[in-house]
Amino acid sequence: MTQVTVRLYEQGDKVWRDFKAELLKRYENSAMLDISKIKAFSKIEKQEFNNRIVVSKKAIVEKRAVAGVDDSDTLKTSVNNGLEKISKKRKEARAKYARGIAEAASQCNTLIDVAKRIGKSTTFVKRVASEFEIKLPRRNNGHEEIVSR
């Protein structure tokens, strides 16, 4: 990518000063560098570091080369918008079932009966009931739940 000069790099008790390295990736406050072709690092050190080191942007001389962030890993806005639309649709679907759950809850004795009546799982019924503050039957599976006193 680009050659950059590093003023100082410390790892454990070893210190490297003023060496050039190839810029691989830019992060918010640091940059990943390729050290495979640098003579400052020994063969064993290169192997140890897997030919890559992450250095603070403050330690790099060429500030313009490391300005910004490589955001290929982060989600794009279109993906984020798509996810928001999906969650909005799911919320609308839960709202659609809320009235049916409220009616079924008033007529049934157990949570399972409510779930069977509307054709959804008990966890879905509980989630919708908590979201829309619907009072569900106290009994579950025909056994009374223990209520904390």
Protein backbone atom coordinates (compact mmCIF):
# COMPACT_ATOMS: atom_id res chain seq x y z
CA MET A 1 0.00 0.00 0.00
CA THR A 2 2.19 2.92 1.26
CA GLN A 3 5.58 3.16 2.91
CA VAL A 4 5.50 4.88 6.31
CA THR A 5 8.25 5.70 8.81
CA VAL A 6 7.76 4.62 12.41
CA ARG A 7 9.54 6.68 15.07
CA LEU A 8 9.24 4.18 17.92
CA TYR A 9 7.86 0.67 18.42
CA GLU A 10 8.13 -1.17 21.73
CA GLN A 11 7.35 -4.82 22.39
CA GLY A 12 8.26 -6.16 25.81
CA ASP A 13 11.82 -5.08 26.60
CA LYS A 14 12.80 -4.51 22.93
CA VAL A 15 12.60 -1.15 21.18
CA TRP A 16 12.78 -0.38 17.44
CA ARG A 17 13.35 3.19 16.21
CA ASP A 18 13.06 4.94 12.85
CA PHE A 19 12.21 2.12 10.45
CA LYS A 20 10.11 2.09 7.29
CA ALA A 21 7.25 -0.36 6.84
CA GLU A 22 4.43 -1.05 4.41
CA LEU A 23 0.99 0.17 5.53
CA LEU A 24 -1.60 -2.64 5.39
CA LYS A 25 -4.63 -1.26 7.19
CA ARG A 26 -5.70 1.87 9.04
CA TYR A 27 -7.75 1.79 12.22
CA GLU A 28 -9.20 4.60 14.35
CA ASN A 29 -6.07 5.26 16.45
CA SER A 30 -3.57 2.79 15.01
CA ALA A 31 -2.32 1.19 11.81
CA MET A 32 -1.30 -2.35 10.82
CA LEU A 33 2.08 -2.55 9.11
CA ASP A 34 3.82 -5.25 7.07
CA ILE A 35 7.34 -5.95 8.41
CA SER A 36 8.26 -8.86 6.11
CA LYS A 37 10.80 -6.81 4.07
CA ILE A 38 12.32 -4.79 6.94
CA LYS A 39 15.88 -5.49 8.07
CA ALA A 40 15.33 -3.92 11.52
CA PHE A 41 13.44 -7.05 12.63
CA SER A 42 15.17 -10.43 12.80
CA LYS A 43 13.75 -13.49 11.03
CA ILE A 44 12.57 -14.93 14.37
CA GLU A 45 10.89 -11.65 15.36
CA LYS A 46 9.12 -11.47 12.00
CA GLN A 47 7.89 -15.01 12.52
CA GLU A 48 6.81 -14.17 16.08
CA PHE A 49 4.84 -11.12 14.91
CA ASN A 50 3.45 -12.99 11.87
CA ASN A 51 5.06 -10.34 9.60
CA ARG A 52 2.62 -7.73 10.95
CA ILE A 53 2.64 -5.18 13.74
CA VAL A 54 0.03 -2.71 14.95
CA VAL A 55 1.45 0.72 15.71
CA SER A 56 -0.16 3.82 17.21
CA LYS A 57 -0.81 6.57 14.66
CA LYS A 58 1.14 8.94 16.93
CA ALA A 59 4.31 6.91 16.31
CA ILE A 60 4.08 7.30 12.51
CA VAL A 61 5.88 10.23 10.88
CA GLU A 62 3.72 10.53 7.72
CA LYS A 63 0.41 11.65 9.24
CA ARG A 64 -1.35 12.03 5.89
CA ALA A 65 -0.69 8.41 4.95
CA VAL A 66 -2.54 7.13 8.01
CA ALA A 67 -5.32 9.73 8.14
CA GLY A 68 -8.77 8.17 8.08
CA VAL A 69 -9.95 4.61 8.60
CA ASP A 70 -10.24 1.62 6.26
CA ASP A 71 -13.89 0.73 6.87
CA SER A 72 -14.23 -2.31 4.64
CA ASP A 73 -15.04 -4.39 7.75
CA THR A 74 -17.85 -2.18 9.02
CA LEU A 75 -21.41 -2.47 7.83
CA LYS A 76 -22.43 -0.13 5.06
CA THR A 77 -25.36 2.25 5.54
CA SER A 78 -27.58 0.35 3.11
CA VAL A 79 -27.12 -2.82 5.18
CA ASN A 80 -27.91 -0.87 8.36
CA ASN A 81 -31.03 0.58 6.76
CA GLY A 82 -32.11 -2.90 5.67
CA LEU A 83 -31.70 -4.20 9.22
CA GLU A 84 -33.74 -1.29 10.58
CA LYS A 85 -36.53 -2.03 8.10
CA ILE A 86 -36.56 -5.70 9.15
CA SER A 87 -36.79 -4.82 12.85
CA LYS A 88 -39.57 -2.33 12.06
CA LYS A 89 -41.50 -5.03 10.17
CA ARG A 90 -41.08 -7.44 13.08
CA LYS A 91 -42.39 -4.82 15.51
CA GLU A 92 -45.42 -4.28 13.25
CA ALA A 93 -46.00 -8.04 13.16
CA ARG A 94 -45.94 -8.19 16.97
CA ALA A 95 -48.38 -5.27 17.13
CA LYS A 96 -50.71 -7.14 14.78
CA TYR A 97 -50.82 -10.11 17.18
CA ALA A 98 -51.21 -7.98 20.34
CA ARG A 99 -55.00 -7.65 20.12
CA GLY A 100 -55.44 -11.37 19.44
CA ILE A 101 -53.25 -12.23 22.42
CA ALA A 102 -55.21 -9.85 24.66
CA GLU A 103 -58.51 -11.48 23.64
CA ALA A 104 -57.13 -15.02 24.01
CA ALA A 105 -55.58 -14.19 27.40
CA SER A 106 -58.94 -13.08 28.76
CA GLN A 107 -60.62 -16.32 27.62
CA CYS A 108 -57.93 -18.98 28.30
CA ASN A 109 -56.65 -20.42 31.58
CA THR A 110 -53.04 -21.20 30.62
CA LEU A 111 -50.27 -19.61 28.63
CA ILE A 112 -50.06 -22.64 26.35
CA ASP A 113 -53.77 -22.32 25.51
CA VAL A 114 -53.20 -18.69 24.55
CA ALA A 115 -50.26 -19.68 22.33
CA LYS A 116 -52.27 -22.49 20.68
CA ARG A 117 -55.22 -20.21 20.08
CA ILE A 118 -53.21 -17.64 18.12
CA GLY A 119 -50.84 -20.21 16.59
CA LYS A 120 -47.56 -18.85 17.96
CA SER A 121 -44.95 -20.00 20.48
CA THR A 122 -45.18 -19.21 24.19
CA THR A 123 -41.97 -17.14 24.02
CA PHE A 124 -43.50 -15.00 21.26
CA VAL A 125 -46.67 -14.59 23.34
CA LYS A 126 -44.61 -13.56 26.39
CA ARG A 127 -42.55 -11.07 24.35
CA VAL A 128 -45.63 -9.43 22.84
CA ALA A 129 -47.40 -9.39 26.20
CA SER A 130 -44.47 -7.68 27.91
CA GLU A 131 -44.04 -5.20 25.05
CA PHE A 132 -47.72 -4.19 24.99
CA GLU A 133 -48.33 -4.73 28.74
CA ILE A 134 -50.93 -7.47 28.29
CA LYS A 135 -51.82 -9.46 31.38
CA LEU A 136 -51.38 -13.20 30.73
CA PRO A 137 -52.96 -16.09 32.68
CA ARG A 138 -51.04 -16.95 35.84
CA ARG A 139 -51.17 -20.68 35.16
CA ASN A 140 -48.68 -22.36 32.86
CA ASN A 141 -49.13 -25.97 31.66
CA GLY A 142 -51.94 -26.40 34.16
CA HIS A 143 -49.51 -25.91 37.07
CA GLU A 144 -49.67 -22.71 39.07
CA GLU A 145 -46.50 -20.65 38.93
CA ILE A 146 -44.91 -19.78 42.24
CA VAL A 147 -45.43 -16.09 42.85
CA SER A 148 -42.82 -14.33 45.00
CA ARG A 149 -44.41 -12.86 48.10
